[in-house]
PDB file of N, CA and C in Angstrom:
ATOM      1  N   MET A   1       0.852  -1.178   0.000  1.00  0.00           N
ATOM      2  CA  MET A   1       0.000   0.000   0.000  1.00  0.00           C
ATOM      3  C   MET A   1       0.896   1.240   0.000  1.00  0.00           C
ATOM      4  N   ALA A   2       0.536   2.242  -0.797  1.00  0.00           N
ATOM      5  CA  ALA A   2       1.318   3.471  -0.895  1.00  0.00           C
ATOM      6  C   ALA A   2       1.243   4.263   0.408  1.00  0.00           C
ATOM      7  N   ILE A   3       2.262   5.087   0.633  1.00  0.00           N
ATOM      8  CA  ILE A   3       2.337   5.870   1.866  1.00  0.00           C
ATOM      9  C   ILE A   3       1.112   6.763   2.027  1.00  0.00           C
ATOM     10  N   HIS A   4       0.655   7.412   0.938  1.00  0.00           N
ATOM     11  CA  HIS A   4      -0.510   8.288   1.063  1.00  0.00           C
ATOM     12  C   HIS A   4      -1.765   7.495   1.419  1.00  0.00           C
ATOM     13  N   ASN A   5      -1.846   6.235   0.983  1.00  0.00           N
ATOM     14  CA  ASN A   5      -2.990   5.389   1.361  1.00  0.00           C
ATOM     15  C   ASN A   5      -2.920   5.038   2.841  1.00  0.00           C
ATOM     16  N   ASP A   6      -1.716   4.749   3.340  1.00  0.00           N
ATOM     17  CA  ASP A   6      -1.538   4.467   4.765  1.00  0.00           C
ATOM     18  C   ASP A   6      -1.929   5.684   5.599  1.00  0.00           C
ATOM     19  N   PHE A   7      -1.503   6.867   5.157  1.00  0.00           N
ATOM     20  CA  PHE A   7      -1.827   8.099   5.876  1.00  0.00           C
ATOM     21  C   PHE A   7      -3.334   8.340   5.868  1.00  0.00           C
ATOM     22  N   GLY A   8      -3.973   8.136   4.720  1.00  0.00           N
ATOM     23  CA  GLY A   8      -5.425   8.315   4.622  1.00  0.00           C
ATOM     24  C   GLY A   8      -6.180   7.363   5.526  1.00  0.00           C
ATOM     25  N   LYS A   9      -5.754   6.125   5.576  1.00  0.00           N
ATOM     26  CA  LYS A   9      -6.397   5.138   6.462  1.00  0.00           C
ATOM     27  C   LYS A   9      -6.222   5.537   7.923  1.00  0.00           C
ATOM     28  N   MET A  10      -4.994   5.974   8.284  1.00  0.00           N
ATOM     29  CA  MET A  10      -4.750   6.405   9.654  1.00  0.00           C
ATOM     30  C   MET A  10      -5.649   7.596  10.004  1.00  0.00           C
ATOM     31  N   ALA A  11      -5.769   8.553   9.085  1.00  0.00           N
ATOM     32  CA  ALA A  11      -6.613   9.725   9.326  1.00  0.00           C
ATOM     33  C   ALA A  11      -8.074   9.324   9.489  1.00  0.00           C
ATOM     34  N   GLU A  12      -8.545   8.400   8.665  1.00  0.00           N
ATOM     35  CA  GLU A  12      -9.936   7.947   8.792  1.00  0.00           C
ATOM     36  C   GLU A  12     -10.152   7.184  10.096  1.00  0.00           C
ATOM     37  N   ASP A  13      -9.155   6.426  10.542  1.00  0.00           N
ATOM     38  CA  ASP A  13      -9.252   5.748  11.843  1.00  0.00           C
ATOM     39  C   ASP A  13      -9.353   6.780  12.968  1.00  0.00           C
ATOM     40  N   MET A  14      -8.514   7.818  12.885  1.00  0.00           N
ATOM     41  CA  MET A  14      -8.547   8.883  13.894  1.00  0.00           C
ATOM     42  C   MET A  14      -9.898   9.596  13.879  1.00  0.00           C
ATOM     43  N   ALA A  15     -10.416   9.845  12.676  1.00  0.00           N
ATOM     44  CA  ALA A  15     -11.702  10.528  12.531  1.00  0.00           C
ATOM     45  C   ALA A  15     -12.832   9.698  13.140  1.00  0.00           C
ATOM     46  N   ALA A  16     -12.840   8.403  12.844  1.00  0.00           N
ATOM     47  CA  ALA A  16     -13.888   7.531  13.398  1.00  0.00           C
ATOM     48  C   ALA A  16     -13.827   7.521  14.919  1.00  0.00           C
ATOM     49  N   GLU A  17     -12.634   7.419  15.456  1.00  0.00           N
ATOM     50  CA  GLU A  17     -12.469   7.426  16.917  1.00  0.00           C
ATOM     51  C   GLU A  17     -12.955   8.746  17.504  1.00  0.00           C
ATOM     52  N   TRP A  18     -12.617   9.864  16.871  1.00  0.00           N
ATOM     53  CA  TRP A  18     -13.041  11.177  17.352  1.00  0.00           C
ATOM     54  C   TRP A  18     -14.567  11.295  17.314  1.00  0.00           C
ATOM     55  N   LEU A  19     -15.175  10.853  16.204  1.00  0.00           N
ATOM     56  CA  LEU A  19     -16.631  10.924  16.092  1.00  0.00           C
ATOM     57  C   LEU A  19     -17.316  10.084  17.167  1.00  0.00           C
ATOM     58  N   ILE A  20     -16.801   8.900  17.421  1.00  0.00           N
ATOM     59  CA  ILE A  20     -17.375   8.037  18.463  1.00  0.00           C
ATOM     60  C   ILE A  20     -17.302   8.740  19.816  1.00  0.00           C
ATOM     61  N   LYS A  21     -16.185   9.386  20.100  1.00  0.00           N
ATOM     62  CA  LYS A  21     -16.038  10.121  21.373  1.00  0.00           C
ATOM     63  C   LYS A  21     -17.014  11.283  21.470  1.00  0.00           C
ATOM     64  N   GLN A  22     -17.447  11.801  20.315  1.00  0.00           N
ATOM     65  CA  GLN A  22     -18.408  12.905  20.303  1.00  0.00           C
ATOM     66  C   GLN A  22     -19.848  12.403  20.341  1.00  0.00           C
ATOM     67  N   GLY A  23     -20.034  11.095  20.408  1.00  0.00           N
ATOM     68  CA  GLY A  23     -21.372  10.537  20.520  1.00  0.00           C
ATOM     69  C   GLY A  23     -21.984  10.024  19.234  1.00  0.00           C
ATOM     70  N   TYR A  24     -21.207   9.950  18.171  1.00  0.00           N
ATOM     71  CA  TYR A  24     -21.700   9.428  16.897  1.00  0.00           C
ATOM     72  C   TYR A  24     -21.571   7.918  16.868  1.00  0.00           C
ATOM     73  N   LYS A  25     -22.474   7.279  16.126  1.00  0.00           N
ATOM     74  CA  LYS A  25     -22.388   5.847  15.884  1.00  0.00           C
ATOM     75  C   LYS A  25     -21.986   5.666  14.427  1.00  0.00           C
ATOM     76  N   ILE A  26     -20.888   4.983  14.200  1.00  0.00           N
ATOM     77  CA  ILE A  26     -20.415   4.757  12.842  1.00  0.00           C
ATOM     78  C   ILE A  26     -21.265   3.669  12.197  1.00  0.00           C
ATOM     79  N   ILE A  27     -21.828   3.970  11.042  1.00  0.00           N
ATOM     80  CA  ILE A  27     -22.658   3.009  10.309  1.00  0.00           C
ATOM     81  C   ILE A  27     -21.843   2.357   9.189  1.00  0.00           C
ATOM     82  N   HIS A  28     -21.101   3.176   8.451  1.00  0.00           N
ATOM     83  CA  HIS A  28     -20.272   2.670   7.350  1.00  0.00           C
ATOM     84  C   HIS A  28     -18.974   3.464   7.296  1.00  0.00           C
ATOM     85  N   ARG A  29     -17.949   2.793   6.821  1.00  0.00           N
ATOM     86  CA  ARG A  29     -16.697   3.460   6.472  1.00  0.00           C
ATOM     87  C   ARG A  29     -16.390   3.098   5.031  1.00  0.00           C
ATOM     88  N   ASN A  30     -15.975   4.094   4.270  1.00  0.00           N
ATOM     89  CA  ASN A  30     -15.639   3.919   2.857  1.00  0.00           C
ATOM     90  C   ASN A  30     -16.789   3.291   2.067  1.00  0.00           C
ATOM     91  N   TRP A  31     -17.988   3.824   2.284  1.00  0.00           N
ATOM     92  CA  TRP A  31     -19.159   3.343   1.561  1.00  0.00           C
ATOM     93  C   TRP A  31     -19.049   3.771   0.105  1.00  0.00           C
ATOM     94  N   ARG A  32     -19.258   2.828  -0.795  1.00  0.00           N
ATOM     95  CA  ARG A  32     -19.103   3.093  -2.220  1.00  0.00           C
ATOM     96  C   ARG A  32     -20.413   2.945  -2.976  1.00  0.00           C
ATOM     97  N   TYR A  33     -20.556   3.839  -3.936  1.00  0.00           N
ATOM     98  CA  TYR A  33     -21.632   3.754  -4.912  1.00  0.00           C
ATOM     99  C   TYR A  33     -21.017   4.183  -6.240  1.00  0.00           C
ATOM    100  N   SER A  34     -20.999   3.270  -7.194  1.00  0.00           N
ATOM    101  CA  SER A  34     -20.413   3.540  -8.504  1.00  0.00           C
ATOM    102  C   SER A  34     -18.983   4.039  -8.314  1.00  0.00           C
ATOM    103  N   ARG A  35     -18.668   5.221  -8.796  1.00  0.00           N
ATOM    104  CA  ARG A  35     -17.321   5.776  -8.651  1.00  0.00           C
ATOM    105  C   ARG A  35     -17.186   6.668  -7.418  1.00  0.00           C
ATOM    106  N   LEU A  36     -18.252   6.794  -6.654  1.00  0.00           N
ATOM    107  CA  LEU A  36     -18.270   7.680  -5.486  1.00  0.00           C
ATOM    108  C   LEU A  36     -17.953   6.913  -4.216  1.00  0.00           C
ATOM    109  N   GLU A  37     -17.363   7.612  -3.262  1.00  0.00           N
ATOM    110  CA  GLU A  37     -17.070   7.004  -1.961  1.00  0.00           C
ATOM    111  C   GLU A  37     -17.285   8.035  -0.870  1.00  0.00           C
ATOM    112  N   VAL A  38     -17.896   7.593   0.223  1.00  0.00           N
ATOM    113  CA  VAL A  38     -18.072   8.431   1.410  1.00  0.00           C
ATOM    114  C   VAL A  38     -17.163   7.858   2.480  1.00  0.00           C
ATOM    115  N   ASP A  39     -16.318   8.717   3.060  1.00  0.00           N
ATOM    116  CA  ASP A  39     -15.360   8.238   4.056  1.00  0.00           C
ATOM    117  C   ASP A  39     -16.062   7.611   5.258  1.00  0.00           C
ATOM    118  N   ILE A  40     -17.009   8.351   5.840  1.00  0.00           N
ATOM    119  CA  ILE A  40     -17.713   7.852   7.031  1.00  0.00           C
ATOM    120  C   ILE A  40     -19.185   8.248   6.942  1.00  0.00           C
ATOM    121  N   ILE A  41     -20.048   7.290   7.210  1.00  0.00           N
ATOM    122  CA  ILE A  41     -21.471   7.572   7.400  1.00  0.00           C
ATOM    123  C   ILE A  41     -21.755   7.232   8.856  1.00  0.00           C
ATOM    124  N   ALA A  42     -22.288   8.210   9.571  1.00  0.00           N
ATOM    125  CA  ALA A  42     -22.534   8.032  11.007  1.00  0.00           C
ATOM    126  C   ALA A  42     -23.871   8.658  11.372  1.00  0.00           C
ATOM    127  N   ASN A  43     -24.381   8.294  12.537  1.00  0.00           N
ATOM    128  CA  ASN A  43     -25.597   8.948  12.983  1.00  0.00           C
ATOM    129  C   ASN A  43     -25.449   9.435  14.416  1.00  0.00           C
ATOM    130  N   LYS A  44     -26.201  10.489  14.672  1.00  0.00           N
ATOM    131  CA  LYS A  44     -26.282  11.075  16.010  1.00  0.00           C
ATOM    132  C   LYS A  44     -27.586  11.859  16.068  1.00  0.00           C
ATOM    133  N   ASP A  45     -28.321  11.650  17.122  1.00  0.00           N
ATOM    134  CA  ASP A  45     -29.583  12.374  17.332  1.00  0.00           C
ATOM    135  C   ASP A  45     -30.520  12.264  16.129  1.00  0.00           C
ATOM    136  N   GLN A  46     -30.641  11.076  15.584  1.00  0.00           N
ATOM    137  CA  GLN A  46     -31.533  10.767  14.463  1.00  0.00           C
ATOM    138  C   GLN A  46     -31.193  11.534  13.182  1.00  0.00           C
ATOM    139  N   MET A  47     -29.939  12.012  13.092  1.00  0.00           N
ATOM    140  CA  MET A  47     -29.436  12.680  11.889  1.00  0.00           C
ATOM    141  C   MET A  47     -28.366  11.782  11.284  1.00  0.00           C
ATOM    142  N   LEU A  48     -28.449  11.570   9.981  1.00  0.00           N
ATOM    143  CA  LEU A  48     -27.455  10.774   9.279  1.00  0.00           C
ATOM    144  C   LEU A  48     -26.402  11.731   8.719  1.00  0.00           C
ATOM    145  N   HIS A  49     -25.151  11.495   9.055  1.00  0.00           N
ATOM    146  CA  HIS A  49     -24.047  12.366   8.661  1.00  0.00           C
ATOM    147  C   HIS A  49     -23.164  11.674   7.631  1.00  0.00           C
ATOM    148  N   PHE A  50     -22.929  12.361   6.519  1.00  0.00           N
ATOM    149  CA  PHE A  50     -21.996  11.910   5.498  1.00  0.00           C
ATOM    150  C   PHE A  50     -20.741  12.749   5.690  1.00  0.00           C
ATOM    151  N   VAL A  51     -19.670  12.111   6.157  1.00  0.00           N
ATOM    152  CA  VAL A  51     -18.489  12.843   6.593  1.00  0.00           C
ATOM    153  C   VAL A  51     -17.322  12.617   5.639  1.00  0.00           C
ATOM    154  N   GLU A  52     -16.801  13.713   5.123  1.00  0.00           N
ATOM    155  CA  GLU A  52     -15.577  13.699   4.326  1.00  0.00           C
ATOM    156  C   GLU A  52     -14.418  14.021   5.272  1.00  0.00           C
ATOM    157  N   VAL A  53     -13.415  13.165   5.287  1.00  0.00           N
ATOM    158  CA  VAL A  53     -12.267  13.337   6.170  1.00  0.00           C
ATOM    159  C   VAL A  53     -11.088  13.849   5.347  1.00  0.00           C
ATOM    160  N   LYS A  54     -10.460  14.918   5.833  1.00  0.00           N
ATOM    161  CA  LYS A  54      -9.246  15.448   5.208  1.00  0.00           C
ATOM    162  C   LYS A  54      -8.224  15.707   6.300  1.00  0.00           C
ATOM    163  N   ALA A  55      -6.981  15.311   6.027  1.00  0.00           N
ATOM    164  CA  ALA A  55      -5.909  15.487   7.016  1.00  0.00           C
ATOM    165  C   ALA A  55      -4.650  15.999   6.336  1.00  0.00           C
ATOM    166  N   ARG A  56      -3.867  16.750   7.090  1.00  0.00           N
ATOM    167  CA  ARG A  56      -2.588  17.270   6.621  1.00  0.00           C
ATOM    168  C   ARG A  56      -1.592  17.250   7.786  1.00  0.00           C
ATOM    169  N   THR A  57      -0.328  17.154   7.431  1.00  0.00           N
ATOM    170  CA  THR A  57       0.728  17.224   8.444  1.00  0.00           C
ATOM    171  C   THR A  57       1.414  18.581   8.447  1.00  0.00           C
ATOM    172  N   GLY A  58       1.075  19.423   7.526  1.00  0.00           N
ATOM    173  CA  GLY A  58       1.667  20.758   7.463  1.00  0.00           C
ATOM    174  C   GLY A  58       0.783  21.677   6.647  1.00  0.00           C
ATOM    175  N   LYS A  59       1.199  22.922   6.542  1.00  0.00           N
ATOM    176  CA  LYS A  59       0.399  23.931   5.833  1.00  0.00           C
ATOM    177  C   LYS A  59       0.877  24.148   4.391  1.00  0.00           C
ATOM    178  N   ASN A  60       1.818  23.319   3.912  1.00  0.00           N
ATOM    179  CA  ASN A  60       2.347  23.493   2.556  1.00  0.00           C
ATOM    180  C   ASN A  60       1.252  23.445   1.495  1.00  0.00           C
ATOM    181  N   PHE A  61       0.215  22.675   1.731  1.00  0.00           N
ATOM    182  CA  PHE A  61      -0.865  22.539   0.757  1.00  0.00           C
ATOM    183  C   PHE A  61      -2.165  23.166   1.269  1.00  0.00           C
ATOM    184  N   GLY A  62      -2.065  24.025   2.268  1.00  0.00           N
ATOM    185  CA  GLY A  62      -3.239  24.698   2.812  1.00  0.00           C
ATOM    186  C   GLY A  62      -3.900  23.894   3.926  1.00  0.00           C
ATOM    187  N   TRP A  63      -4.999  24.420   4.413  1.00  0.00           N
ATOM    188  CA  TRP A  63      -5.766  23.749   5.453  1.00  0.00           C
ATOM    189  C   TRP A  63      -6.401  22.499   4.868  1.00  0.00           C
ATOM    190  N   PRO A  64      -6.558  21.450   5.663  1.00  0.00           N
ATOM    191  CA  PRO A  64      -7.140  20.209   5.121  1.00  0.00           C
ATOM    192  C   PRO A  64      -8.505  20.420   4.471  1.00  0.00           C
ATOM    193  N   GLU A  65      -9.353  21.201   5.112  1.00  0.00           N
ATOM    194  CA  GLU A  65     -10.719  21.390   4.601  1.00  0.00           C
ATOM    195  C   GLU A  65     -10.736  22.119   3.253  1.00  0.00           C
ATOM    196  N   GLU A  66      -9.665  22.836   2.934  1.00  0.00           N
ATOM    197  CA  GLU A  66      -9.608  23.529   1.646  1.00  0.00           C
ATOM    198  C   GLU A  66      -9.498  22.550   0.475  1.00  0.00           C
ATOM    199  N   ALA A  67      -9.143  21.316   0.764  1.00  0.00           N
ATOM    200  CA  ALA A  67      -9.049  20.294  -0.285  1.00  0.00           C
ATOM    201  C   ALA A  67     -10.417  19.761  -0.707  1.00  0.00           C
ATOM    202  N   VAL A  68     -11.462  20.143  -0.001  1.00  0.00           N
ATOM    203  CA  VAL A  68     -12.812  19.714  -0.366  1.00  0.00           C
ATOM    204  C   VAL A  68     -13.399  20.790  -1.281  1.00  0.00           C
ATOM    205  N   ASP A  69     -13.323  20.526  -2.576  1.00  0.00           N
ATOM    206  CA  ASP A  69     -13.795  21.491  -3.559  1.00  0.00           C
ATOM    207  C   ASP A  69     -15.267  21.235  -3.902  1.00  0.00           C
ATOM    208  N   SER A  70     -15.791  22.044  -4.814  1.00  0.00           N
ATOM    209  CA  SER A  70     -17.212  21.934  -5.162  1.00  0.00           C
ATOM    210  C   SER A  70     -17.527  20.576  -5.797  1.00  0.00           C
ATOM    211  N   GLN A  71     -16.585  20.004  -6.534  1.00  0.00           N
ATOM    212  CA  GLN A  71     -16.817  18.684  -7.125  1.00  0.00           C
ATOM    213  C   GLN A  71     -16.938  17.615  -6.044  1.00  0.00           C
ATOM    214  N   LYS A  72     -16.087  17.696  -5.026  1.00  0.00           N
ATOM    215  CA  LYS A  72     -16.149  16.725  -3.930  1.00  0.00           C
ATOM    216  C   LYS A  72     -17.472  16.851  -3.184  1.00  0.00           C
ATOM    217  N   ILE A  73     -17.924  18.080  -2.975  1.00  0.00           N
ATOM    218  CA  ILE A  73     -19.218  18.283  -2.297  1.00  0.00           C
ATOM    219  C   ILE A  73     -20.346  17.720  -3.169  1.00  0.00           C
ATOM    220  N   GLN A  74     -20.268  17.943  -4.482  1.00  0.00           N
ATOM    221  CA  GLN A  74     -21.287  17.395  -5.377  1.00  0.00           C
ATOM    222  C   GLN A  74     -21.280  15.872  -5.322  1.00  0.00           C
ATOM    223  N   ASN A  75     -20.090  15.279  -5.253  1.00  0.00           N
ATOM    224  CA  ASN A  75     -20.001  13.823  -5.122  1.00  0.00           C
ATOM    225  C   ASN A  75     -20.649  13.349  -3.823  1.00  0.00           C
ATOM    226  N   LEU A  76     -20.447  14.084  -2.735  1.00  0.00           N
ATOM    227  CA  LEU A  76     -21.087  13.737  -1.456  1.00  0.00           C
ATOM    228  C   LEU A  76     -22.604  13.821  -1.584  1.00  0.00           C
ATOM    229  N   ILE A  77     -23.071  14.879  -2.238  1.00  0.00           N
ATOM    230  CA  ILE A  77     -24.512  15.054  -2.440  1.00  0.00           C
ATOM    231  C   ILE A  77     -25.076  13.881  -3.239  1.00  0.00           C
ATOM    232  N   ASP A  78     -24.382  13.513  -4.315  1.00  0.00           N
ATOM    233  CA  ASP A  78     -24.843  12.407  -5.154  1.00  0.00           C
ATOM    234  C   ASP A  78     -24.855  11.087  -4.380  1.00  0.00           C
ATOM    235  N   ALA A  79     -23.786  10.833  -3.625  1.00  0.00           N
ATOM    236  CA  ALA A  79     -23.716   9.603  -2.838  1.00  0.00           C
ATOM    237  C   ALA A  79     -24.794   9.591  -1.754  1.00  0.00           C
ATOM    238  N   ALA A  80     -24.999  10.730  -1.096  1.00  0.00           N
ATOM    239  CA  ALA A  80     -26.029  10.823  -0.054  1.00  0.00           C
ATOM    240  C   ALA A  80     -27.412  10.581  -0.652  1.00  0.00           C
ATOM    241  N   GLY A  81     -27.635  11.095  -1.850  1.00  0.00           N
ATOM    242  CA  GLY A  81     -28.918  10.870  -2.514  1.00  0.00           C
ATOM    243  C   GLY A  81     -29.161   9.400  -2.801  1.00  0.00           C
ATOM    244  N   GLU A  82     -28.136   8.718  -3.287  1.00  0.00           N
ATOM    245  CA  GLU A  82     -28.261   7.283  -3.565  1.00  0.00           C
ATOM    246  C   GLU A  82     -28.480   6.503  -2.268  1.00  0.00           C
ATOM    247  N   TYR A  83     -27.713   6.850  -1.232  1.00  0.00           N
ATOM    248  CA  TYR A  83     -27.856   6.151   0.047  1.00  0.00           C
ATOM    249  C   TYR A  83     -29.275   6.358   0.594  1.00  0.00           C
ATOM    250  N   SER A  84     -29.782   7.578   0.470  1.00  0.00           N
ATOM    251  CA  SER A  84     -31.131   7.891   0.963  1.00  0.00           C
ATOM    252  C   SER A  84     -32.202   7.096   0.218  1.00  0.00           C
ATOM    253  N   GLU A  85     -31.999   6.885  -1.087  1.00  0.00           N
ATOM    254  CA  GLU A  85     -32.956   6.076  -1.840  1.00  0.00           C
ATOM    255  C   GLU A  85     -32.949   4.630  -1.370  1.00  0.00           C
ATOM    256  N   ARG A  86     -31.772   4.130  -1.032  1.00  0.00           N
ATOM    257  CA  ARG A  86     -31.656   2.751  -0.550  1.00  0.00           C
ATOM    258  C   ARG A  86     -32.101   2.591   0.901  1.00  0.00           C
ATOM    259  N   HIS A  87     -32.050   3.680   1.661  1.00  0.00           N
ATOM    260  CA  HIS A  87     -32.385   3.648   3.088  1.00  0.00           C
ATOM    261  C   HIS A  87     -33.349   4.801   3.408  1.00  0.00           C
ATOM    262  N   PRO A  88     -34.582   4.706   2.949  1.00  0.00           N
ATOM    263  CA  PRO A  88     -35.533   5.816   3.128  1.00  0.00           C
ATOM    264  C   PRO A  88     -35.939   6.061   4.577  1.00  0.00           C
ATOM    265  N   GLU A  89     -35.526   5.178   5.480  1.00  0.00           N
ATOM    266  CA  GLU A  89     -35.866   5.395   6.892  1.00  0.00           C
ATOM    267  C   GLU A  89     -35.162   6.621   7.472  1.00  0.00           C
ATOM    268  N   TRP A  90     -34.101   7.064   6.814  1.00  0.00           N
ATOM    269  CA  TRP A  90     -33.392   8.255   7.279  1.00  0.00           C
ATOM    270  C   TRP A  90     -34.032   9.495   6.665  1.00  0.00           C
ATOM    271  N   LYS A  91     -34.664  10.285   7.491  1.00  0.00           N
ATOM    272  CA  LYS A  91     -35.373  11.470   7.013  1.00  0.00           C
ATOM    273  C   LYS A  91     -34.499  12.722   7.060  1.00  0.00           C
ATOM    274  N   ARG A  92     -33.504  12.707   7.925  1.00  0.00           N
ATOM    275  CA  ARG A  92     -32.644  13.882   8.091  1.00  0.00           C
ATOM    276  C   ARG A  92     -31.205  13.489   7.774  1.00  0.00           C
ATOM    277  N   ILE A  93     -30.609  14.204   6.820  1.00  0.00           N
ATOM    278  CA  ILE A  93     -29.215  13.934   6.475  1.00  0.00           C
ATOM    279  C   ILE A  93     -28.434  15.246   6.492  1.00  0.00           C
ATOM    280  N   GLN A  94     -27.135  15.092   6.624  1.00  0.00           N
ATOM    281  CA  GLN A  94     -26.277  16.264   6.678  1.00  0.00           C
ATOM    282  C   GLN A  94     -24.912  15.895   6.108  1.00  0.00           C
ATOM    283  N   LEU A  95     -24.283  16.831   5.402  1.00  0.00           N
ATOM    284  CA  LEU A  95     -22.942  16.645   4.867  1.00  0.00           C
ATOM    285  C   LEU A  95     -21.964  17.421   5.742  1.00  0.00           C
ATOM    286  N   ASP A  96     -20.901  16.761   6.164  1.00  0.00           N
ATOM    287  CA  ASP A  96     -19.930  17.366   7.068  1.00  0.00           C
ATOM    288  C   ASP A  96     -18.505  17.125   6.579  1.00  0.00           C
ATOM    289  N   ILE A  97     -17.590  17.961   7.040  1.00  0.00           N
ATOM    290  CA  ILE A  97     -16.167  17.772   6.790  1.00  0.00           C
ATOM    291  C   ILE A  97     -15.473  17.693   8.136  1.00  0.00           C
ATOM    292  N   LEU A  98     -14.653  16.664   8.317  1.00  0.00           N
ATOM    293  CA  LEU A  98     -13.830  16.553   9.516  1.00  0.00           C
ATOM    294  C   LEU A  98     -12.385  16.754   9.080  1.00  0.00           C
ATOM    295  N   SER A  99     -11.816  17.868   9.514  1.00  0.00           N
ATOM    296  CA  SER A  99     -10.465  18.263   9.153  1.00  0.00           C
ATOM    297  C   SER A  99      -9.528  17.921  10.315  1.00  0.00           C
ATOM    298  N   ILE A 100      -8.388  17.311   9.970  1.00  0.00           N
ATOM    299  CA  ILE A 100      -7.424  16.919  11.006  1.00  0.00           C
ATOM    300  C   ILE A 100      -6.061  17.484  10.644  1.00  0.00           C
ATOM    301  N   GLU A 101      -5.523  18.289  11.553  1.00  0.00           N
ATOM    302  CA  GLU A 101      -4.151  18.794  11.416  1.00  0.00           C
ATOM    303  C   GLU A 101      -3.293  17.956  12.352  1.00  0.00           C
ATOM    304  N   ILE A 102      -2.357  17.224  11.775  1.00  0.00           N
ATOM    305  CA  ILE A 102      -1.522  16.322  12.563  1.00  0.00           C
ATOM    306  C   ILE A 102      -0.126  16.922  12.664  1.00  0.00           C
ATOM    307  N   GLY A 103       0.309  17.159  13.892  1.00  0.00           N
ATOM    308  CA  GLY A 103       1.625  17.748  14.117  1.00  0.00           C
ATOM    309  C   GLY A 103       2.346  17.075  15.257  1.00  0.00           C
ATOM    310  N   ARG A 104       3.481  17.625  15.605  1.00  0.00           N
ATOM    311  CA  ARG A 104       4.282  17.055  16.698  1.00  0.00           C
ATOM    312  C   ARG A 104       3.539  17.064  18.023  1.00  0.00           C
ATOM    313  N   GLY A 105       2.694  18.053  18.218  1.00  0.00           N
ATOM    314  CA  GLY A 105       1.958  18.165  19.468  1.00  0.00           C
ATOM    315  C   GLY A 105       0.688  17.338  19.500  1.00  0.00           C
ATOM    316  N   GLY A 106       0.429  16.567  18.458  1.00  0.00           N
ATOM    317  CA  GLY A 106      -0.781  15.754  18.397  1.00  0.00           C
ATOM    318  C   GLY A 106      -1.657  16.164  17.233  1.00  0.00           C
ATOM    319  N   ALA A 107      -2.930  15.905  17.366  1.00  0.00           N
ATOM    320  CA  ALA A 107      -3.878  16.178  16.282  1.00  0.00           C
ATOM    321  C   ALA A 107      -4.907  17.209  16.731  1.00  0.00           C
ATOM    322  N   LYS A 108      -5.239  18.099  15.815  1.00  0.00           N
ATOM    323  CA  LYS A 108      -6.289  19.082  16.062  1.00  0.00           C
ATOM    324  C   LYS A 108      -7.435  18.783  15.093  1.00  0.00           C
ATOM    325  N   PHE A 109      -8.628  18.598  15.641  1.00  0.00           N
ATOM    326  CA  PHE A 109      -9.807  18.258  14.851  1.00  0.00           C
ATOM    327  C   PHE A 109     -10.695  19.494  14.698  1.00  0.00           C
ATOM    328  N   SER A 110     -11.156  19.742  13.489  1.00  0.00           N
ATOM    329  CA  SER A 110     -12.129  20.801  13.211  1.00  0.00           C
ATOM    330  C   SER A 110     -13.280  20.149  12.462  1.00  0.00           C
ATOM    331  N   PHE A 111     -14.487  20.354  12.963  1.00  0.00           N
ATOM    332  CA  PHE A 111     -15.662  19.715  12.383  1.00  0.00           C
ATOM    333  C   PHE A 111     -16.545  20.782  11.767  1.00  0.00           C
ATOM    334  N   PHE A 112     -16.725  20.698  10.454  1.00  0.00           N
ATOM    335  CA  PHE A 112     -17.560  21.641   9.714  1.00  0.00           C
ATOM    336  C   PHE A 112     -18.861  20.947   9.363  1.00  0.00           C
ATOM    337  N   GLU A 113     -19.925  21.377  10.002  1.00  0.00           N
ATOM    338  CA  GLU A 113     -21.208  20.720   9.843  1.00  0.00           C
ATOM    339  C   GLU A 113     -22.070  21.403   8.778  1.00  0.00           C
ATOM    340  N   ASP A 114     -22.876  20.557   8.114  1.00  0.00           N
ATOM    341  CA  ASP A 114     -23.898  21.027   7.187  1.00  0.00           C
ATOM    342  C   ASP A 114     -23.310  21.891   6.068  1.00  0.00           C
ATOM    343  N   VAL A 115     -22.319  21.330   5.377  1.00  0.00           N
ATOM    344  CA  VAL A 115     -21.695  22.040   4.258  1.00  0.00           C
ATOM    345  C   VAL A 115     -22.543  21.855   3.004  1.00  0.00           C
ATOM    346  N   TYR A 116     -22.440  22.784   2.093  1.00  0.00           N
ATOM    347  CA  TYR A 116     -23.180  22.725   0.840  1.00  0.00           C
ATOM    348  C   TYR A 116     -22.464  23.576  -0.184  1.00  0.00           C
ATOM    349  N   LEU A 117     -22.924  23.506  -1.414  1.00  0.00           N
ATOM    350  CA  LEU A 117     -22.311  24.285  -2.504  1.00  0.00           C
ATOM    351  C   LEU A 117     -22.636  25.745  -2.402  1.00  0.00           C
TER     352      LEU A 117
END
């Protein structure tokens, strides 16, 4: 496995652990539909959350959340729509970004809720 894949998996593991500590229940990780993938699908308070995870070890490429462009958000919307059709019991959904800055002092998590285009 390539180094960037190892880093991405580690970041998603950290994100899942952080979400669980915040009271979320993880339903799926790396849920796929066609060419689309959602990093984490979780629920809390009867809301279904589609979470895009982005992590960085430095600021050379900007803040992690800046890597989520309009195309990525559209992909989340499309995937959430397909998931909702397959699971109509979920009436409330939300798209979120979990940004992780990983440094020598540990990890800093920033959670951006209810993102849209």
